[in-house]
C-alpha atoms as a PDB file:
ATOM      1  CA  MET A   1       7.191 -32.369  31.759  1.00  0.00           C
ATOM      2  CA  SER A   2      10.666 -33.402  30.632  1.00  0.00           C
ATOM      3  CA  ASN A   3      12.807 -31.183  28.378  1.00  0.00           C
ATOM      4  CA  LEU A   4      12.329 -33.652  25.440  1.00  0.00           C
ATOM      5  CA  SER A   5       8.544 -33.347  25.735  1.00  0.00           C
ATOM      6  CA  HIS A   6       8.826 -29.616  26.075  1.00  0.00           C
ATOM      7  CA  LEU A   7      10.876 -29.275  23.277  1.00  0.00           C
ATOM      8  CA  ARG A   8       8.429 -31.234  21.248  1.00  0.00           C
ATOM      9  CA  LYS A   9       5.527 -29.164  22.342  1.00  0.00           C
ATOM     10  CA  LEU A  10       7.428 -26.019  21.416  1.00  0.00           C
ATOM     11  CA  THR A  11       8.089 -27.547  17.880  1.00  0.00           C
ATOM     12  CA  GLU A  12       4.449 -28.302  17.251  1.00  0.00           C
ATOM     13  CA  GLU A  13       3.577 -24.821  18.345  1.00  0.00           C
ATOM     14  CA  LEU A  14       6.247 -23.151  15.831  1.00  0.00           C
ATOM     15  CA  ILE A  15       4.953 -25.473  13.077  1.00  0.00           C
ATOM     16  CA  THR A  16       1.354 -24.430  13.656  1.00  0.00           C
ATOM     17  CA  LYS A  17       2.331 -20.708  13.855  1.00  0.00           C
ATOM     18  CA  ASP A  18       4.261 -21.132  10.619  1.00  0.00           C
ATOM     19  CA  LYS A  19       1.302 -22.821   8.864  1.00  0.00           C
ATOM     20  CA  GLN A  20      -1.016 -19.918  10.111  1.00  0.00           C
ATOM     21  CA  ILE A  21       1.448 -17.254   8.748  1.00  0.00           C
ATOM     22  CA  LYS A  22       1.492 -19.091   5.421  1.00  0.00           C
ATOM     23  CA  GLU A  23      -2.236 -19.307   5.138  1.00  0.00           C
ATOM     24  CA  SER A  24      -2.711 -15.584   6.082  1.00  0.00           C
ATOM     25  CA  GLU A  25      -0.044 -14.606   3.516  1.00  0.00           C
ATOM     26  CA  GLU A  26      -1.881 -16.610   0.833  1.00  0.00           C
ATOM     27  CA  LEU A  27      -5.159 -15.076   1.732  1.00  0.00           C
ATOM     28  CA  LEU A  28      -3.803 -11.631   1.446  1.00  0.00           C
ATOM     29  CA  ARG A  29      -2.100 -12.333  -1.845  1.00  0.00           C
ATOM     30  CA  LEU A  30      -5.417 -13.780  -3.276  1.00  0.00           C
ATOM     31  CA  ALA A  31      -7.197 -10.829  -1.812  1.00  0.00           C
ATOM     32  CA  LEU A  32      -4.851  -8.279  -3.534  1.00  0.00           C
ATOM     33  CA  SER A  33      -4.832 -10.213  -6.692  1.00  0.00           C
ATOM     34  CA  SER A  34      -8.744 -10.251  -6.755  1.00  0.00           C
ATOM     35  CA  ALA A  35      -8.935  -6.477  -6.040  1.00  0.00           C
ATOM     36  CA  ASP A  36      -6.083  -5.920  -8.625  1.00  0.00           C
ATOM     37  CA  ALA A  37      -4.574  -3.935  -5.885  1.00  0.00           C
ATOM     38  CA  GLY A  38      -1.046  -3.034  -5.060  1.00  0.00           C
ATOM     39  CA  ALA A  39       0.170  -2.800  -1.428  1.00  0.00           C
ATOM     40  CA  TRP A  40       2.791  -0.591   0.097  1.00  0.00           C
ATOM     41  CA  THR A  41       4.767   0.535   2.925  1.00  0.00           C
ATOM     42  CA  TRP A  42       6.586   3.921   3.779  1.00  0.00           C
ATOM     43  CA  ASN A  43       9.250   3.963   6.395  1.00  0.00           C
ATOM     44  CA  ILE A  44       8.753   7.693   7.380  1.00  0.00           C
ATOM     45  CA  GLU A  45      11.846   7.853   9.291  1.00  0.00           C
ATOM     46  CA  LEU A  46      14.186   6.292   6.710  1.00  0.00           C
ATOM     47  CA  ASP A  47      12.094   7.472   3.643  1.00  0.00           C
ATOM     48  CA  VAL A  48      12.108   4.134   2.116  1.00  0.00           C
ATOM     49  CA  VAL A  49       8.951   2.886   0.032  1.00  0.00           C
ATOM     50  CA  ASN A  50       8.430  -0.483  -0.511  1.00  0.00           C
ATOM     51  CA  GLY A  51       5.597  -2.218  -2.468  1.00  0.00           C
ATOM     52  CA  THR A  52       4.137  -5.487  -3.901  1.00  0.00           C
ATOM     53  CA  PRO A  53       4.647  -6.206  -7.847  1.00  0.00           C
ATOM     54  CA  LYS A  54       1.291  -4.620  -8.592  1.00  0.00           C
ATOM     55  CA  PHE A  55       2.319  -1.415  -6.780  1.00  0.00           C
ATOM     56  CA  TYR A  56       5.409  -1.213  -9.132  1.00  0.00           C
ATOM     57  CA  GLU A  57       3.333  -2.112 -12.055  1.00  0.00           C
ATOM     58  CA  LEU A  58       1.097   1.065 -11.502  1.00  0.00           C
ATOM     59  CA  PHE A  59       3.937   3.096 -10.549  1.00  0.00           C
ATOM     60  CA  GLY A  60       6.441   1.739 -13.331  1.00  0.00           C
ATOM     61  CA  ASN A  61       9.062   0.688 -10.999  1.00  0.00           C
ATOM     62  CA  LYS A  62      10.369   3.917  -9.921  1.00  0.00           C
ATOM     63  CA  ILE A  63       9.248   4.527  -6.584  1.00  0.00           C
ATOM     64  CA  SER A  64      11.654   4.094  -3.564  1.00  0.00           C
ATOM     65  CA  THR A  65      11.163   7.394  -1.629  1.00  0.00           C
ATOM     66  CA  PHE A  66       8.149   9.475  -0.856  1.00  0.00           C
ATOM     67  CA  GLU A  67       9.642  12.385  -3.331  1.00  0.00           C
ATOM     68  CA  GLU A  68       9.758   9.787  -6.099  1.00  0.00           C
ATOM     69  CA  PHE A  69       6.058   8.873  -5.291  1.00  0.00           C
ATOM     70  CA  ILE A  70       5.092  12.549  -5.473  1.00  0.00           C
ATOM     71  CA  ASN A  71       6.904  13.113  -8.601  1.00  0.00           C
ATOM     72  CA  CYS A  72       4.594  10.563 -10.105  1.00  0.00           C
ATOM     73  CA  ILE A  73       1.421  12.400  -9.097  1.00  0.00           C
ATOM     74  CA  HIS A  74      -0.472  14.941 -11.451  1.00  0.00           C
ATOM     75  CA  PRO A  75       0.621  18.384 -10.562  1.00  0.00           C
ATOM     76  CA  ASP A  76      -3.031  19.416  -9.832  1.00  0.00           C
ATOM     77  CA  ASP A  77      -3.406  16.422  -7.206  1.00  0.00           C
ATOM     78  CA  VAL A  78       0.071  16.904  -5.418  1.00  0.00           C
ATOM     79  CA  ASN A  79      -1.213  19.351  -2.680  1.00  0.00           C
ATOM     80  CA  ASP A  80      -4.313  17.046  -1.929  1.00  0.00           C
ATOM     81  CA  VAL A  81      -1.926  13.895  -1.686  1.00  0.00           C
ATOM     82  CA  LYS A  82       0.333  15.820   0.601  1.00  0.00           C
ATOM     83  CA  CYS A  83      -2.368  17.269   2.806  1.00  0.00           C
ATOM     84  CA  ALA A  84      -3.937  13.546   3.198  1.00  0.00           C
ATOM     85  CA  VAL A  85      -0.491  12.227   4.209  1.00  0.00           C
ATOM     86  CA  ARG A  86       0.365  14.966   6.462  1.00  0.00           C
ATOM     87  CA  ASN A  87      -3.042  14.763   8.251  1.00  0.00           C
ATOM     88  CA  SER A  88      -2.579  10.990   8.511  1.00  0.00           C
ATOM     89  CA  ILE A  89       0.784  11.382  10.128  1.00  0.00           C
ATOM     90  CA  GLU A  90      -0.352  14.259  12.563  1.00  0.00           C
ATOM     91  CA  HIS A  91      -3.355  12.407  13.652  1.00  0.00           C
ATOM     92  CA  ASP A  92      -2.062   8.818  13.313  1.00  0.00           C
ATOM     93  CA  SER A  93      -5.111   7.918  11.295  1.00  0.00           C
ATOM     94  CA  SER A  94      -6.178   6.572   7.934  1.00  0.00           C
ATOM     95  CA  TYR A  95      -6.858   8.294   4.563  1.00  0.00           C
ATOM     96  CA  ASP A  96      -8.680   7.689   1.540  1.00  0.00           C
ATOM     97  CA  ILE A  97      -7.940   9.695  -1.796  1.00  0.00           C
ATOM     98  CA  ASN A  98      -8.150   9.514  -5.405  1.00  0.00           C
ATOM     99  CA  TYR A  99      -5.286  11.125  -7.631  1.00  0.00           C
ATOM    100  CA  ARG A 100      -3.812  10.623 -10.925  1.00  0.00           C
ATOM    101  CA  ILE A 101      -0.302   9.268 -11.736  1.00  0.00           C
ATOM    102  CA  ARG A 102       1.665   9.398 -14.648  1.00  0.00           C
ATOM    103  CA  CYS A 103       2.290   6.049 -16.430  1.00  0.00           C
ATOM    104  CA  GLU A 104       4.306   6.255 -19.685  1.00  0.00           C
ATOM    105  CA  ASP A 105       2.611   8.858 -21.696  1.00  0.00           C
ATOM    106  CA  LYS A 106      -0.770   9.105 -19.869  1.00  0.00           C
ATOM    107  CA  TRP A 107      -2.465   9.592 -16.788  1.00  0.00           C
ATOM    108  CA  LYS A 108      -4.122   6.917 -14.854  1.00  0.00           C
ATOM    109  CA  ASP A 109      -6.837   7.472 -12.075  1.00  0.00           C
ATOM    110  CA  VAL A 110      -5.685   5.722  -8.835  1.00  0.00           C
ATOM    111  CA  TYR A 111      -7.641   5.206  -5.504  1.00  0.00           C
ATOM    112  CA  ALA A 112      -5.378   4.834  -2.430  1.00  0.00           C
ATOM    113  CA  SER A 113      -6.235   3.848   1.195  1.00  0.00           C
ATOM    114  CA  GLY A 114      -3.474   4.176   3.852  1.00  0.00           C
ATOM    115  CA  LYS A 115      -2.997   4.432   7.672  1.00  0.00           C
ATOM    116  CA  THR A 116      -0.122   5.705   9.651  1.00  0.00           C
ATOM    117  CA  LEU A 117       1.274   3.327  12.352  1.00  0.00           C
ATOM    118  CA  GLY A 118       2.918   5.155  15.253  1.00  0.00           C
ATOM    119  CA  HIS A 119       3.905   8.185  13.304  1.00  0.00           C
ATOM    120  CA  THR A 120       6.980   6.101  11.807  1.00  0.00           C
ATOM    121  CA  MET A 121       5.205   3.899   9.307  1.00  0.00           C
ATOM    122  CA  MET A 122       2.456   4.110   6.607  1.00  0.00           C
ATOM    123  CA  THR A 123       0.936   1.283   4.878  1.00  0.00           C
ATOM    124  CA  GLY A 124      -1.742   1.038   2.560  1.00  0.00           C
ATOM    125  CA  ILE A 125      -3.067  -0.061  -1.007  1.00  0.00           C
ATOM    126  CA  CYS A 126      -3.557   1.451  -4.329  1.00  0.00           C
ATOM    127  CA  ILE A 127      -6.258   0.494  -6.922  1.00  0.00           C
ATOM    128  CA  GLU A 128      -6.252   1.789 -10.620  1.00  0.00           C
ATOM    129  CA  ASN A 129      -9.662   3.247 -11.108  1.00  0.00           C
ATOM    130  CA  LYS A 130     -10.628   1.827 -14.605  1.00  0.00           C
ATOM    131  CA  ILE A 131     -14.305   2.874 -14.215  1.00  0.00           C
ATOM    132  CA  SER A 132     -15.308   6.167 -15.840  1.00  0.00           C
ATOM    133  CA  CYS A 133     -18.620   7.738 -14.806  1.00  0.00           C
ATOM    134  CA  SER A 134     -20.233  11.149 -14.589  1.00  0.00           C
ATOM    135  CA  SER A 135     -20.666  10.903 -10.917  1.00  0.00           C
ATOM    136  CA  CYS A 136     -17.028  10.159 -10.168  1.00  0.00           C
ATOM    137  CA  LYS A 137     -15.030  13.008  -8.530  1.00  0.00           C
ATOM    138  CA  ARG A 138     -12.991  13.299 -11.774  1.00  0.00           C
ATOM    139  CA  GLY A 139     -12.277  11.205 -14.950  1.00  0.00           C
ATOM    140  CA  ASN A 140      -8.903  10.595 -16.615  1.00  0.00           C
ATOM    141  CA  HIS A 141      -7.591  13.878 -17.602  1.00  0.00           C
ATOM    142  CA  ALA A 142      -4.759  14.614 -19.703  1.00  0.00           C
END
């Protein structure tokens, strides 16, 4: 195979991979939008939190560190959230938890699911729980 044909083949492979990445990104965007979910990552070593626009909409654009995240959580829920995060980090595992966050002058119920990746990164989603029912663990509390 000549250098030129090898270069053409590599270029075609790159174009195909780029198309696949764009399709995956669009699928993820549509899934998050359909679920009305925010996605986030937390670099544990650097203590940097990043999120999608929906994540920042839920938390009011005030989250960039783990401490800022914790400061948004209802005081009665802080220990449960810290325990879930600590267990996830220690066991390099996933977690699912419901908690309340302060949004302007009210509390919102949030469901979050996340996973630790190699003890250095955590990633997940959060969804506002807009359904109130008697069988739910807890409702919207002031």
